[in-house]
Amino acid sequence: MRKIKFDEYMKKRVWFAETRARLGLKREPSSRLRDEKERELLIELDRARLEKWKKEGKLELIGPRKYRFTI
């Protein structure tokens, strides 16, 4: 596995972010349309992930639309 020095990485990251801001570039969302099967599969995977988090106690329902997620 390749080792990366955190300080060097952060210096490069700051330079990259500043350059991107100077040029006015933004990260755009994907515009690719998903087909019906792909959408259903992604929803199923999301539901399974939420259920797993609930069983592990990482996700807790606090109110009607409020959740607590612990790492």
PDB file of N, CA and C in Angstrom:
ATOM      1  N   MET A   1       0.841  -1.177   0.000  1.00  0.00           N
ATOM      2  CA  MET A   1       0.000   0.000   0.000  1.00  0.00           C
ATOM      3  C   MET A   1       0.887   1.241   0.000  1.00  0.00           C
ATOM      4  N   ARG A   2       0.508   2.219  -0.784  1.00  0.00           N
ATOM      5  CA  ARG A   2       1.271   3.446  -0.895  1.00  0.00           C
ATOM      6  C   ARG A   2       1.077   4.312   0.349  1.00  0.00           C
ATOM      7  N   LYS A   3       2.166   4.904   0.845  1.00  0.00           N
ATOM      8  CA  LYS A   3       2.076   5.784   2.009  1.00  0.00           C
ATOM      9  C   LYS A   3       2.046   7.227   1.538  1.00  0.00           C
ATOM     10  N   ILE A   4       1.210   8.007   2.194  1.00  0.00           N
ATOM     11  CA  ILE A   4       1.056   9.416   1.848  1.00  0.00           C
ATOM     12  C   ILE A   4       1.268  10.237   3.104  1.00  0.00           C
ATOM     13  N   LYS A   5       2.089  11.282   2.996  1.00  0.00           N
ATOM     14  CA  LYS A   5       2.286  12.184   4.121  1.00  0.00           C
ATOM     15  C   LYS A   5       1.140  13.183   4.127  1.00  0.00           C
ATOM     16  N   PHE A   6       0.451  13.257   5.256  1.00  0.00           N
ATOM     17  CA  PHE A   6      -0.761  14.058   5.349  1.00  0.00           C
ATOM     18  C   PHE A   6      -0.484  15.530   5.063  1.00  0.00           C
ATOM     19  N   ASP A   7       0.595  16.074   5.609  1.00  0.00           N
ATOM     20  CA  ASP A   7       0.911  17.492   5.414  1.00  0.00           C
ATOM     21  C   ASP A   7       1.115  17.818   3.935  1.00  0.00           C
ATOM     22  N   GLU A   8       1.834  16.962   3.226  1.00  0.00           N
ATOM     23  CA  GLU A   8       2.058  17.183   1.798  1.00  0.00           C
ATOM     24  C   GLU A   8       0.750  17.083   1.023  1.00  0.00           C
ATOM     25  N   TYR A   9      -0.077  16.129   1.403  1.00  0.00           N
ATOM     26  CA  TYR A   9      -1.366  15.963   0.740  1.00  0.00           C
ATOM     27  C   TYR A   9      -2.224  17.213   0.915  1.00  0.00           C
ATOM     28  N   MET A  10      -2.260  17.750   2.137  1.00  0.00           N
ATOM     29  CA  MET A  10      -3.086  18.923   2.400  1.00  0.00           C
ATOM     30  C   MET A  10      -2.575  20.142   1.635  1.00  0.00           C
ATOM     31  N   LYS A  11      -1.266  20.286   1.500  1.00  0.00           N
ATOM     32  CA  LYS A  11      -0.728  21.407   0.725  1.00  0.00           C
ATOM     33  C   LYS A  11      -1.175  21.314  -0.726  1.00  0.00           C
ATOM     34  N   LYS A  12      -1.116  20.113  -1.298  1.00  0.00           N
ATOM     35  CA  LYS A  12      -1.552  19.922  -2.677  1.00  0.00           C
ATOM     36  C   LYS A  12      -3.058  20.155  -2.801  1.00  0.00           C
ATOM     37  N   ARG A  13      -3.791  19.708  -1.821  1.00  0.00           N
ATOM     38  CA  ARG A  13      -5.249  19.842  -1.841  1.00  0.00           C
ATOM     39  C   ARG A  13      -5.651  21.315  -1.797  1.00  0.00           C
ATOM     40  N   VAL A  14      -4.971  22.099  -0.942  1.00  0.00           N
ATOM     41  CA  VAL A  14      -5.269  23.526  -0.844  1.00  0.00           C
ATOM     42  C   VAL A  14      -4.964  24.204  -2.175  1.00  0.00           C
ATOM     43  N   TRP A  15      -3.828  23.870  -2.778  1.00  0.00           N
ATOM     44  CA  TRP A  15      -3.459  24.451  -4.067  1.00  0.00           C
ATOM     45  C   TRP A  15      -4.522  24.115  -5.111  1.00  0.00           C
ATOM     46  N   PHE A  16      -4.962  22.876  -5.129  1.00  0.00           N
ATOM     47  CA  PHE A  16      -5.964  22.438  -6.096  1.00  0.00           C
ATOM     48  C   PHE A  16      -7.273  23.201  -5.906  1.00  0.00           C
ATOM     49  N   ALA A  17      -7.711  23.346  -4.657  1.00  0.00           N
ATOM     50  CA  ALA A  17      -8.975  24.033  -4.371  1.00  0.00           C
ATOM     51  C   ALA A  17      -8.890  25.509  -4.745  1.00  0.00           C
ATOM     52  N   GLU A  18      -7.754  26.140  -4.442  1.00  0.00           N
ATOM     53  CA  GLU A  18      -7.581  27.551  -4.782  1.00  0.00           C
ATOM     54  C   GLU A  18      -7.567  27.746  -6.296  1.00  0.00           C
ATOM     55  N   THR A  19      -6.878  26.880  -7.004  1.00  0.00           N
ATOM     56  CA  THR A  19      -6.813  26.976  -8.459  1.00  0.00           C
ATOM     57  C   THR A  19      -8.194  26.793  -9.075  1.00  0.00           C
ATOM     58  N   ARG A  20      -8.914  25.820  -8.594  1.00  0.00           N
ATOM     59  CA  ARG A  20     -10.257  25.571  -9.111  1.00  0.00           C
ATOM     60  C   ARG A  20     -11.175  26.761  -8.846  1.00  0.00           C
ATOM     61  N   ALA A  21     -11.050  27.383  -7.654  1.00  0.00           N
ATOM     62  CA  ALA A  21     -11.874  28.545  -7.319  1.00  0.00           C
ATOM     63  C   ALA A  21     -11.499  29.741  -8.192  1.00  0.00           C
ATOM     64  N   ARG A  22     -10.195  29.924  -8.423  1.00  0.00           N
ATOM     65  CA  ARG A  22      -9.729  31.029  -9.248  1.00  0.00           C
ATOM     66  C   ARG A  22     -10.266  30.916 -10.684  1.00  0.00           C
ATOM     67  N   LEU A  23     -10.327  29.702 -11.186  1.00  0.00           N
ATOM     68  CA  LEU A  23     -10.803  29.478 -12.551  1.00  0.00           C
ATOM     69  C   LEU A  23     -12.328  29.467 -12.645  1.00  0.00           C
ATOM     70  N   GLY A  24     -12.996  29.456 -11.491  1.00  0.00           N
ATOM     71  CA  GLY A  24     -14.455  29.474 -11.475  1.00  0.00           C
ATOM     72  C   GLY A  24     -15.080  28.136 -11.805  1.00  0.00           C
ATOM     73  N   LEU A  25     -14.343  27.055 -11.589  1.00  0.00           N
ATOM     74  CA  LEU A  25     -14.870  25.721 -11.885  1.00  0.00           C
ATOM     75  C   LEU A  25     -15.629  25.185 -10.680  1.00  0.00           C
ATOM     76  N   LYS A  26     -16.748  24.563 -10.936  1.00  0.00           N
ATOM     77  CA  LYS A  26     -17.545  23.953  -9.875  1.00  0.00           C
ATOM     78  C   LYS A  26     -17.722  22.484 -10.180  1.00  0.00           C
ATOM     79  N   ARG A  27     -17.913  21.713  -9.138  1.00  0.00           N
ATOM     80  CA  ARG A  27     -18.195  20.294  -9.329  1.00  0.00           C
ATOM     81  C   ARG A  27     -19.676  20.151  -9.648  1.00  0.00           C
ATOM     82  N   GLU A  28     -19.962  19.686 -10.819  1.00  0.00           N
ATOM     83  CA  GLU A  28     -21.340  19.553 -11.266  1.00  0.00           C
ATOM     84  C   GLU A  28     -21.871  18.151 -10.957  1.00  0.00           C
ATOM     85  N   PRO A  29     -23.155  18.055 -10.632  1.00  0.00           N
ATOM     86  CA  PRO A  29     -23.735  16.727 -10.424  1.00  0.00           C
ATOM     87  C   PRO A  29     -23.812  15.956 -11.740  1.00  0.00           C
ATOM     88  N   SER A  30     -23.882  14.677 -11.628  1.00  0.00           N
ATOM     89  CA  SER A  30     -23.972  13.830 -12.813  1.00  0.00           C
ATOM     90  C   SER A  30     -25.299  14.066 -13.513  1.00  0.00           C
ATOM     91  N   SER A  31     -25.261  14.155 -14.818  1.00  0.00           N
ATOM     92  CA  SER A  31     -26.492  14.379 -15.569  1.00  0.00           C
ATOM     93  C   SER A  31     -26.948  13.100 -16.276  1.00  0.00           C
ATOM     94  N   ARG A  32     -26.283  12.004 -15.962  1.00  0.00           N
ATOM     95  CA  ARG A  32     -26.629  10.742 -16.610  1.00  0.00           C
ATOM     96  C   ARG A  32     -27.954  10.219 -16.052  1.00  0.00           C
ATOM     97  N   LEU A  33     -28.851   9.874 -16.924  1.00  0.00           N
ATOM     98  CA  LEU A  33     -30.136   9.314 -16.500  1.00  0.00           C
ATOM     99  C   LEU A  33     -29.956   7.839 -16.163  1.00  0.00           C
ATOM    100  N   ARG A  34     -30.596   7.422 -15.101  1.00  0.00           N
ATOM    101  CA  ARG A  34     -30.531   6.024 -14.691  1.00  0.00           C
ATOM    102  C   ARG A  34     -31.768   5.287 -15.206  1.00  0.00           C
ATOM    103  N   ASP A  35     -31.565   4.037 -15.597  1.00  0.00           N
ATOM    104  CA  ASP A  35     -32.716   3.271 -16.037  1.00  0.00           C
ATOM    105  C   ASP A  35     -33.478   2.757 -14.808  1.00  0.00           C
ATOM    106  N   GLU A  36     -34.658   2.225 -15.037  1.00  0.00           N
ATOM    107  CA  GLU A  36     -35.553   1.803 -13.946  1.00  0.00           C
ATOM    108  C   GLU A  36     -34.919   0.741 -13.046  1.00  0.00           C
ATOM    109  N   LYS A  37     -34.273  -0.261 -13.639  1.00  0.00           N
ATOM    110  CA  LYS A  37     -33.661  -1.327 -12.841  1.00  0.00           C
ATOM    111  C   LYS A  37     -32.543  -0.787 -11.956  1.00  0.00           C
ATOM    112  N   GLU A  38     -31.741   0.118 -12.505  1.00  0.00           N
ATOM    113  CA  GLU A  38     -30.638   0.686 -11.732  1.00  0.00           C
ATOM    114  C   GLU A  38     -31.170   1.505 -10.554  1.00  0.00           C
ATOM    115  N   ARG A  39     -32.214   2.289 -10.797  1.00  0.00           N
ATOM    116  CA  ARG A  39     -32.821   3.071  -9.720  1.00  0.00           C
ATOM    117  C   ARG A  39     -33.362   2.168  -8.622  1.00  0.00           C
ATOM    118  N   GLU A  40     -34.076   1.110  -9.011  1.00  0.00           N
ATOM    119  CA  GLU A  40     -34.629   0.180  -8.023  1.00  0.00           C
ATOM    120  C   GLU A  40     -33.529  -0.483  -7.213  1.00  0.00           C
ATOM    121  N   LEU A  41     -32.455  -0.863  -7.864  1.00  0.00           N
ATOM    122  CA  LEU A  41     -31.334  -1.502  -7.180  1.00  0.00           C
ATOM    123  C   LEU A  41     -30.684  -0.550  -6.184  1.00  0.00           C
ATOM    124  N   LEU A  42     -30.480   0.700  -6.566  1.00  0.00           N
ATOM    125  CA  LEU A  42     -29.877   1.674  -5.657  1.00  0.00           C
ATOM    126  C   LEU A  42     -30.766   1.937  -4.441  1.00  0.00           C
ATOM    127  N   ILE A  43     -32.072   2.005  -4.661  1.00  0.00           N
ATOM    128  CA  ILE A  43     -33.006   2.194  -3.548  1.00  0.00           C
ATOM    129  C   ILE A  43     -32.957   0.995  -2.611  1.00  0.00           C
ATOM    130  N   GLU A  44     -32.910  -0.206  -3.182  1.00  0.00           N
ATOM    131  CA  GLU A  44     -32.832  -1.425  -2.369  1.00  0.00           C
ATOM    132  C   GLU A  44     -31.545  -1.458  -1.545  1.00  0.00           C
ATOM    133  N   LEU A  45     -30.427  -1.073  -2.154  1.00  0.00           N
ATOM    134  CA  LEU A  45     -29.154  -1.031  -1.430  1.00  0.00           C
ATOM    135  C   LEU A  45     -29.187   0.008  -0.301  1.00  0.00           C
ATOM    136  N   ASP A  46     -29.797   1.168  -0.557  1.00  0.00           N
ATOM    137  CA  ASP A  46     -29.922   2.196   0.473  1.00  0.00           C
ATOM    138  C   ASP A  46     -30.766   1.706   1.646  1.00  0.00           C
ATOM    139  N   ARG A  47     -31.880   1.040   1.336  1.00  0.00           N
ATOM    140  CA  ARG A  47     -32.734   0.511   2.416  1.00  0.00           C
ATOM    141  C   ARG A  47     -31.988  -0.532   3.249  1.00  0.00           C
ATOM    142  N   ALA A  48     -31.235  -1.406   2.577  1.00  0.00           N
ATOM    143  CA  ALA A  48     -30.470  -2.430   3.288  1.00  0.00           C
ATOM    144  C   ALA A  48     -29.418  -1.786   4.188  1.00  0.00           C
ATOM    145  N   ARG A  49     -28.769  -0.733   3.695  1.00  0.00           N
ATOM    146  CA  ARG A  49     -27.761  -0.042   4.494  1.00  0.00           C
ATOM    147  C   ARG A  49     -28.400   0.593   5.736  1.00  0.00           C
ATOM    148  N   LEU A  50     -29.574   1.232   5.558  1.00  0.00           N
ATOM    149  CA  LEU A  50     -30.259   1.846   6.694  1.00  0.00           C
ATOM    150  C   LEU A  50     -30.676   0.796   7.726  1.00  0.00           C
ATOM    151  N   GLU A  51     -31.202  -0.321   7.257  1.00  0.00           N
ATOM    152  CA  GLU A  51     -31.601  -1.391   8.180  1.00  0.00           C
ATOM    153  C   GLU A  51     -30.388  -1.934   8.945  1.00  0.00           C
ATOM    154  N   LYS A  52     -29.276  -2.084   8.274  1.00  0.00           N
ATOM    155  CA  LYS A  52     -28.055  -2.557   8.926  1.00  0.00           C
ATOM    156  C   LYS A  52     -27.631  -1.582  10.017  1.00  0.00           C
ATOM    157  N   TRP A  53     -27.668  -0.280   9.710  1.00  0.00           N
ATOM    158  CA  TRP A  53     -27.297   0.730  10.696  1.00  0.00           C
ATOM    159  C   TRP A  53     -28.249   0.718  11.889  1.00  0.00           C
ATOM    160  N   LYS A  54     -29.546   0.483  11.637  1.00  0.00           N
ATOM    161  CA  LYS A  54     -30.516   0.420  12.732  1.00  0.00           C
ATOM    162  C   LYS A  54     -30.223  -0.778  13.635  1.00  0.00           C
ATOM    163  N   LYS A  55     -29.928  -1.943  13.037  1.00  0.00           N
ATOM    164  CA  LYS A  55     -29.620  -3.140  13.819  1.00  0.00           C
ATOM    165  C   LYS A  55     -28.348  -2.970  14.634  1.00  0.00           C
ATOM    166  N   GLU A  56     -27.352  -2.285  14.065  1.00  0.00           N
ATOM    167  CA  GLU A  56     -26.079  -2.063  14.756  1.00  0.00           C
ATOM    168  C   GLU A  56     -26.178  -0.957  15.794  1.00  0.00           C
ATOM    169  N   GLY A  57     -27.278  -0.203  15.794  1.00  0.00           N
ATOM    170  CA  GLY A  57     -27.448   0.883  16.745  1.00  0.00           C
ATOM    171  C   GLY A  57     -26.781   2.174  16.312  1.00  0.00           C
ATOM    172  N   LYS A  58     -26.352   2.256  15.085  1.00  0.00           N
ATOM    173  CA  LYS A  58     -25.710   3.475  14.595  1.00  0.00           C
ATOM    174  C   LYS A  58     -26.734   4.541  14.214  1.00  0.00           C
ATOM    175  N   LEU A  59     -27.918   4.113  13.789  1.00  0.00           N
ATOM    176  CA  LEU A  59     -28.964   5.034  13.361  1.00  0.00           C
ATOM    177  C   LEU A  59     -30.125   4.933  14.334  1.00  0.00           C
ATOM    178  N   GLU A  60     -30.518   6.085  14.870  1.00  0.00           N
ATOM    179  CA  GLU A  60     -31.581   6.106  15.875  1.00  0.00           C
ATOM    180  C   GLU A  60     -32.632   7.128  15.455  1.00  0.00           C
ATOM    181  N   LEU A  61     -33.892   6.740  15.482  1.00  0.00           N
ATOM    182  CA  LEU A  61     -34.991   7.636  15.148  1.00  0.00           C
ATOM    183  C   LEU A  61     -35.308   8.475  16.378  1.00  0.00           C
ATOM    184  N   ILE A  62     -35.205   9.798  16.244  1.00  0.00           N
ATOM    185  CA  ILE A  62     -35.456  10.704  17.365  1.00  0.00           C
ATOM    186  C   ILE A  62     -36.871  11.268  17.295  1.00  0.00           C
ATOM    187  N   GLY A  63     -37.298  11.652  16.105  1.00  0.00           N
ATOM    188  CA  GLY A  63     -38.615  12.245  15.913  1.00  0.00           C
ATOM    189  C   GLY A  63     -39.158  11.848  14.558  1.00  0.00           C
ATOM    190  N   PRO A  64     -40.238  12.503  14.141  1.00  0.00           N
ATOM    191  CA  PRO A  64     -40.857  12.145  12.864  1.00  0.00           C
ATOM    192  C   PRO A  64     -39.898  12.259  11.670  1.00  0.00           C
ATOM    193  N   ARG A  65     -39.048  13.279  11.670  1.00  0.00           N
ATOM    194  CA  ARG A  65     -38.095  13.442  10.566  1.00  0.00           C
ATOM    195  C   ARG A  65     -36.697  13.740  11.086  1.00  0.00           C
ATOM    196  N   LYS A  66     -36.406  13.233  12.271  1.00  0.00           N
ATOM    197  CA  LYS A  66     -35.093  13.474  12.863  1.00  0.00           C
ATOM    198  C   LYS A  66     -34.439  12.153  13.227  1.00  0.00           C
ATOM    199  N   TYR A  67     -33.175  12.050  12.863  1.00  0.00           N
ATOM    200  CA  TYR A  67     -32.403  10.853  13.138  1.00  0.00           C
ATOM    201  C   TYR A  67     -31.093  11.248  13.807  1.00  0.00           C
ATOM    202  N   ARG A  68     -30.515  10.297  14.540  1.00  0.00           N
ATOM    203  CA  ARG A  68     -29.189  10.474  15.116  1.00  0.00           C
ATOM    204  C   ARG A  68     -28.328   9.357  14.560  1.00  0.00           C
ATOM    205  N   PHE A  69     -27.186   9.747  13.985  1.00  0.00           N
ATOM    206  CA  PHE A  69     -26.257   8.780  13.427  1.00  0.00           C
ATOM    207  C   PHE A  69     -24.966   8.854  14.222  1.00  0.00           C
ATOM    208  N   THR A  70     -24.583   7.743  14.829  1.00  0.00           N
ATOM    209  CA  THR A  70     -23.337   7.715  15.589  1.00  0.00           C
ATOM    210  C   THR A  70     -22.299   6.895  14.838  1.00  0.00           C
ATOM    211  N   ILE A  71     -21.101   7.390  14.896  1.00  0.00           N
ATOM    212  CA  ILE A  71     -20.007   6.719  14.183  1.00  0.00           C
ATOM    213  C   ILE A  71     -19.287   5.794  15.136  1.00  0.00           C
TER     214      ILE A  71
END
